[in-house]
Amino acid sequence: MHINKLILQNFRNYSRHEFKFGDKTVILGENGSGKSNLMEAVYLLATGKSFRADREEEMVRYEEGFFRVIGQISQIGQISQVAVTMSEGRKKFEVNGVPRGMVNFVGRLKAVLFAPQDMELVTGSPGGRRRYLDFVISQVDREYRRCLISYEKGLRQRNKLLEMIREGLAQRSQLYFWDKLLIKNGEYITLKRGEYLEGLAEY
């Protein structure tokens, strides 16, 4: 699998630019010319997220209202197109022009990023290592990706509900649904993390 073509519109420092790639591509350029932005766009198509933006709105070109990133992917003779658009604070995903949810979008393009901050996998907190595991497994296991998104959403909802309970605006019994959801998704996530680590231990 490789990416043949990348089109950027209002993405970071690019107003509109098209890149074409061969089987092997080396990217060279002066500091500030947009090399990292190009890598960020490819990573976005692979994972649905930026590897460096604190807020996703940062990827929108200055004084523009949206960005669009399109990639043409070749795999075993098949050509497909993936796209991410961000407008009005919301991201939209497409595969061959058809809207997709993030769960069914991520993993269409496989990408591995190695950046200076990856040293935190060794020196940083356990939370950083868990996030890395989640990223890797999500690219190859769609059910894991679905459970992870559901778990994170459920955790946010449960925390909001706890605030409402403290303020007397909700009943503690309402936690049951979210607790059950977190347990179900958490069990699958823990199982798959363990399986992945066992596989790594062989190396």
Protein backbone atom coordinates (compact mmCIF):
# COMPACT_ATOMS: atom_id res chain seq x y z
CA MET A 1 0.00 0.00 0.00
CA HIS A 2 1.25 3.48 -0.76
CA ILE A 3 -0.09 6.96 -1.33
CA ASN A 4 0.19 8.15 -4.94
CA LYS A 5 -1.18 11.65 -4.65
CA LEU A 6 -1.94 14.17 -1.93
CA ILE A 7 -4.04 17.31 -2.38
CA LEU A 8 -4.04 19.99 0.32
CA GLN A 9 -6.49 22.87 0.40
CA ASN A 10 -6.25 25.54 3.11
CA PHE A 11 -4.14 23.16 5.20
CA ARG A 12 -1.55 24.89 7.39
CA ASN A 13 0.67 26.97 5.06
CA TYR A 14 -0.77 25.47 1.86
CA SER A 15 -3.56 27.34 0.06
CA ARG A 16 -3.85 24.62 -2.58
CA HIS A 17 -1.14 22.19 -3.53
CA GLU A 18 -0.92 18.78 -5.16
CA PHE A 19 1.89 16.32 -4.48
CA LYS A 20 2.62 13.15 -6.43
CA PHE A 21 4.70 10.34 -4.95
CA GLY A 22 6.57 7.35 -6.34
CA ASP A 23 7.20 4.06 -4.58
CA LYS A 24 9.97 5.72 -2.56
CA THR A 25 9.94 9.43 -1.79
CA VAL A 26 12.38 11.63 0.10
CA ILE A 27 11.12 15.08 1.11
CA LEU A 28 13.68 17.89 1.34
CA GLY A 29 13.16 21.56 2.02
CA GLU A 30 14.21 24.64 3.96
CA ASN A 31 13.08 25.16 7.53
CA GLY A 32 9.53 26.47 7.58
CA SER A 33 8.77 25.33 4.03
CA GLY A 34 6.02 22.92 5.12
CA LYS A 35 7.69 19.49 5.36
CA SER A 36 6.15 18.72 8.74
CA ASN A 37 2.78 19.99 7.52
CA LEU A 38 2.98 17.52 4.65
CA MET A 39 3.72 14.66 7.06
CA GLU A 40 0.89 15.82 9.28
CA ALA A 41 -1.55 15.63 6.35
CA VAL A 42 -0.55 12.04 5.56
CA TYR A 43 -0.84 11.11 9.24
CA LEU A 44 -4.28 12.73 9.35
CA LEU A 45 -5.47 10.53 6.46
CA ALA A 46 -4.12 7.43 8.23
CA THR A 47 -5.40 8.09 11.76
CA GLY A 48 -8.03 10.83 11.53
CA LYS A 49 -5.96 12.94 13.94
CA SER A 50 -2.99 15.30 14.02
CA PHE A 51 0.20 14.20 15.74
CA ARG A 52 1.04 17.70 16.94
CA ALA A 53 -1.97 20.06 17.03
CA ASP A 54 -3.39 20.84 20.47
CA ARG A 55 -6.54 22.08 18.74
CA GLU A 56 -7.53 20.69 15.37
CA GLU A 57 -8.57 24.18 14.22
CA GLU A 58 -4.83 24.97 14.12
CA MET A 59 -4.60 22.96 10.88
CA VAL A 60 -6.87 25.42 9.05
CA ARG A 61 -4.90 27.99 7.04
CA TYR A 62 -4.89 31.48 8.56
CA GLU A 63 -8.05 33.48 7.78
CA GLU A 64 -9.72 30.53 6.03
CA GLY A 65 -12.83 28.74 7.25
CA PHE A 66 -11.99 25.14 6.39
CA PHE A 67 -9.35 22.70 5.22
CA ARG A 68 -9.54 19.64 2.99
CA VAL A 69 -6.96 16.87 2.61
CA ILE A 70 -7.37 14.27 -0.14
CA GLY A 71 -5.20 11.22 -0.69
CA GLN A 72 -5.12 8.72 -3.53
CA ILE A 73 -4.08 5.28 -2.31
CA SER A 74 -2.88 2.29 -4.30
CA GLN A 75 -3.16 -1.22 -2.86
CA ILE A 76 -2.77 -4.47 -4.83
CA GLY A 77 -3.70 -2.72 -8.06
CA GLN A 78 -6.76 -1.04 -6.54
CA ILE A 79 -6.98 2.76 -6.42
CA SER A 80 -9.07 4.46 -3.75
CA GLN A 81 -9.48 8.00 -2.47
CA VAL A 82 -9.70 9.12 1.15
CA ALA A 83 -10.46 12.64 2.32
CA VAL A 84 -10.73 14.63 5.54
CA THR A 85 -12.52 17.98 5.65
CA MET A 86 -12.76 20.29 8.63
CA SER A 87 -15.33 23.07 8.64
CA GLU A 88 -17.08 24.91 11.47
CA GLY A 89 -15.11 22.92 14.03
CA ARG A 90 -16.20 19.51 12.73
CA LYS A 91 -14.26 16.89 10.81
CA LYS A 92 -15.85 14.86 8.04
CA PHE A 93 -14.39 11.69 6.55
CA GLU A 94 -14.92 10.25 3.07
CA VAL A 95 -13.85 7.09 1.25
CA ASN A 96 -14.28 7.25 -2.54
CA GLY A 97 -16.63 10.20 -2.09
CA VAL A 98 -18.88 8.37 0.40
CA PRO A 99 -19.18 9.83 3.94
CA ARG A 100 -17.81 7.53 6.65
CA GLY A 101 -17.62 7.60 10.40
CA MET A 102 -14.16 7.77 11.92
CA VAL A 103 -14.29 4.09 12.96
CA ASN A 104 -14.71 2.99 9.34
CA PHE A 105 -12.23 5.54 8.01
CA VAL A 106 -9.13 4.95 10.11
CA GLY A 107 -6.84 2.23 8.79
CA ARG A 108 -7.56 2.68 5.08
CA LEU A 109 -4.06 4.12 4.83
CA LYS A 110 -1.35 2.59 7.02
CA ALA A 111 1.35 4.94 8.31
CA VAL A 112 4.13 4.77 10.88
CA LEU A 113 5.42 8.01 12.41
CA PHE A 114 8.67 8.31 14.34
CA ALA A 115 9.17 11.73 15.89
CA PRO A 116 11.46 13.11 18.65
CA GLN A 117 8.60 13.01 21.15
CA ASP A 118 8.36 9.25 20.65
CA MET A 119 11.26 8.91 23.11
CA GLU A 120 8.58 9.52 25.73
CA LEU A 121 7.51 5.92 25.11
CA VAL A 122 10.61 4.98 27.10
CA THR A 123 11.04 7.95 29.43
CA GLY A 124 7.48 9.25 29.74
CA SER A 125 4.35 8.29 31.64
CA PRO A 126 2.37 5.03 31.31
CA GLY A 127 -0.45 7.09 29.80
CA GLY A 128 1.72 7.96 26.82
CA ARG A 129 2.52 4.29 26.23
CA ARG A 130 -1.17 3.39 26.42
CA ARG A 131 -2.00 6.07 23.85
CA TYR A 132 0.66 4.65 21.54
CA LEU A 133 -0.74 1.13 21.94
CA ASP A 134 -4.22 2.44 21.18
CA PHE A 135 -2.95 4.15 18.02
CA VAL A 136 -1.17 1.04 16.72
CA ILE A 137 -3.94 -1.45 17.47
CA SER A 138 -6.64 0.87 16.11
CA GLN A 139 -5.01 0.80 12.67
CA VAL A 140 -5.41 -2.97 12.33
CA ASP A 141 -8.43 -3.83 14.51
CA ARG A 142 -11.67 -2.04 13.63
CA GLU A 143 -13.55 -3.46 16.63
CA TYR A 144 -10.83 -2.17 18.95
CA ARG A 145 -11.16 1.24 17.33
CA ARG A 146 -14.94 1.18 17.83
CA CYS A 147 -14.62 0.11 21.49
CA LEU A 148 -11.98 2.76 22.18
CA ILE A 149 -14.10 5.57 20.73
CA SER A 150 -17.15 4.31 22.63
CA TYR A 151 -15.14 4.03 25.85
CA GLU A 152 -13.74 7.56 25.61
CA LYS A 153 -17.16 9.00 24.80
CA GLY A 154 -18.76 7.02 27.64
CA LEU A 155 -16.14 8.23 30.10
CA ARG A 156 -16.83 11.86 29.20
CA GLN A 157 -20.58 11.33 29.58
CA ARG A 158 -20.12 9.58 32.94
CA ASN A 159 -17.96 12.43 34.24
CA LYS A 160 -20.62 14.96 33.21
CA LEU A 161 -23.25 12.87 34.97
CA LEU A 162 -21.16 12.77 38.15
CA GLU A 163 -21.06 16.58 38.14
CA MET A 164 -24.84 16.67 37.76
CA ILE A 165 -25.25 14.20 40.65
CA ARG A 166 -23.06 16.38 42.89
CA GLU A 167 -25.25 19.36 41.99
CA GLY A 168 -28.42 17.39 42.71
CA LEU A 169 -29.51 17.44 39.06
CA ALA A 170 -29.34 13.67 38.44
CA GLN A 171 -29.74 10.36 40.26
CA ARG A 172 -26.85 8.01 41.08
CA SER A 173 -28.83 5.14 39.55
CA GLN A 174 -28.28 6.76 36.15
CA LEU A 175 -24.62 5.76 36.36
CA TYR A 176 -25.54 2.12 35.75
CA PHE A 177 -25.79 2.48 31.97
CA TRP A 178 -22.42 4.21 31.62
CA ASP A 179 -20.70 1.86 34.08
CA LYS A 180 -21.93 -1.14 32.10
CA LEU A 181 -20.77 0.43 28.82
CA LEU A 182 -17.32 1.24 30.21
CA ILE A 183 -16.87 -2.27 31.62
CA LYS A 184 -17.86 -3.94 28.35
CA ASN A 185 -15.59 -1.81 26.17
CA GLY A 186 -12.81 -1.75 28.76
CA GLU A 187 -12.64 -5.54 28.88
CA TYR A 188 -12.08 -5.76 25.12
CA ILE A 189 -9.51 -2.96 25.15
CA THR A 190 -7.55 -4.59 27.99
CA LEU A 191 -7.66 -8.00 26.28
CA LYS A 192 -6.32 -6.67 22.98
CA ARG A 193 -3.62 -4.58 24.64
CA GLY A 194 -2.42 -7.72 26.42
CA GLU A 195 -2.39 -9.74 23.20
CA TYR A 196 -0.42 -7.04 21.41
CA LEU A 197 2.16 -6.80 24.20
CA GLU A 198 2.57 -10.58 24.19
CA GLY A 199 3.29 -10.40 20.47
CA LEU A 200 5.88 -7.65 21.01
CA ALA A 201 7.59 -9.69 23.73
CA GLU A 202 8.66 -12.22 21.08
CA TYR A 203 10.97 -9.57 19.62
